[in-house]
Amino acid sequence: MKGVLLVNLGSPDSPTPKDVKKYLGEFLMDERVIDVPKWARTLLVKGIILNTRPKVSAKAYSKIWWEEGSPLIVLSERLENKLKKEVEVPIALAMRYGSMTIKKGLQNLVDLGVDEVLIIPLYPQFAMATTETILELSKELIDKFFPNLNLSNLPPFYNDPDYIKVLSSTIKASLEGKKYEHLLFSYHGIPERHIRKSDITKSHCKIDKSCCITPSEAHKYCYKHQCLEVTRLVGEELGLNKSTYSTSFQSRLGFDPWLRPYTDRTIERLGKEGTKSMAIVTPAFVSDCLETLEEIAMEGEEIFHEVGGKYFTTIPCLNDNPDWVSLLAKWIKEWSSQ
C-alpha cells in the first residue's frame, strides 16, 4: 500500500521560554542548519543562543499564537485534512523539529499498512536546512526502524508551471483593490556557504550576479537560483513590470555572510526612497508561521512606517488554499498511479 507523509518545519509546543528553548535546541543543533563542527555548534547554541534567545523568541511566538495552537501546525493540519478528502491513499503529517516527529508520522502510515511512502517536504525550493535534512533523517529512520518501507520523495517544485500558476493567482487575489508600488518577494535566508556546499559541480556557484542565471547542473540544488526563478516566473505570469518587483532574503542569524539583499534593509530602503505603498510575499514558505506573521507582517510593517511608508500589504502563504490542495492531490495521484 502507498501512503504520503507531509513534512513541514515544526514549532514549539507552546509560546513559553521553556518550550521554545527545547525547540530551538533541536533545530539549531541540526548539522545542516548550523553546519560547523559539533564542538563549535554546541558552544554557540548551548553556550550562547539558548541562554539568550528563548525569551525573545517566546515573546514573538506569543504575538502570533492562535487559540488552536501554533499557526504553522494548525495550517498544516488543515492542509492535511483537506488533502485526505481529495486522495485515496493514506496521508500523515509530521514536522522536522518538535513533538510531531517524522518517526511518529512514518509509524502512523506503517500502522495503516503502508509499505511505500512518498515524502513531501513542504518547501518549493531545495536547501540543506529544509529538504535535505528532512530526507536524510527520513532515510536514517527507515533504515533503523522501518526496513521494509520503500521511500520516494517529491522533488522541489519551485519551477513547476502549475505551482507558479497557483502562487500567482493567490498573489493576484490578495492584491485585488490594494495599493502597492512595489512587490517584494522575501525568501528565508541561508548562509552563503550553504550555496557553495550544495554545488555539485564544485565550481559554478560564485554567488555573484551571473551564476544564478547561467545554465548549470548546480541549479538542481541551488537555493538562490530556485528563489530567483520563482520571482522571475511569477513576474512573467502576472505580467509585472520588472521595475515594480524584486527579491530579498530574511531571518539571518549570526555574523557570517548570508544571502543578500536583506529583507529588513530592503523595506527600509524602499521607504526612504519614497515608496509609499508596498506588498510582500514569502514564497519559501507554504504555511504562515513566525517568519511571516511576526517578522514580516509586524516587524516589516513597523520598519516601513518608521521610514515614511503608508500602505503595507502582507500576502498570505498558500496554506490550505483550495487550488494548492488540488495541486498537491494531483501530484499524489500521479505518483500513486505509477
Foldseek 3Di string as FASTA:
>chain_A
DEEEEEEEADDFQALDLVSQLQQQVVLQQPCLAVVDPNVVSCCPNVVPCSVPPSVVSSVLQVVVADPVGFQQVVLVVLLQVVLVVLADHYYFYAYVTYDRHPLVRVVVNVVVVAQEYEYEFQFLAAFSSGVVSVVVVNVVSCVVPNVRHHYDYDARNLPPPLVLVLVLVLVVVLCVVNDAQAEEAEEAKGFLVRLCVQQPVNPQDPLDPPSLVDDDPRRSRGRVSSSVNSVVSSCVVNVHDPVRYDYAHEDDDDDGHMRDDHLLVVLLVCLLVPTQEYEYEYNRGQTDGSCQVRVCVPVSVVSNVVSPHHYYHYRGHNRNPPSVSVVVSVVVVVVVVD
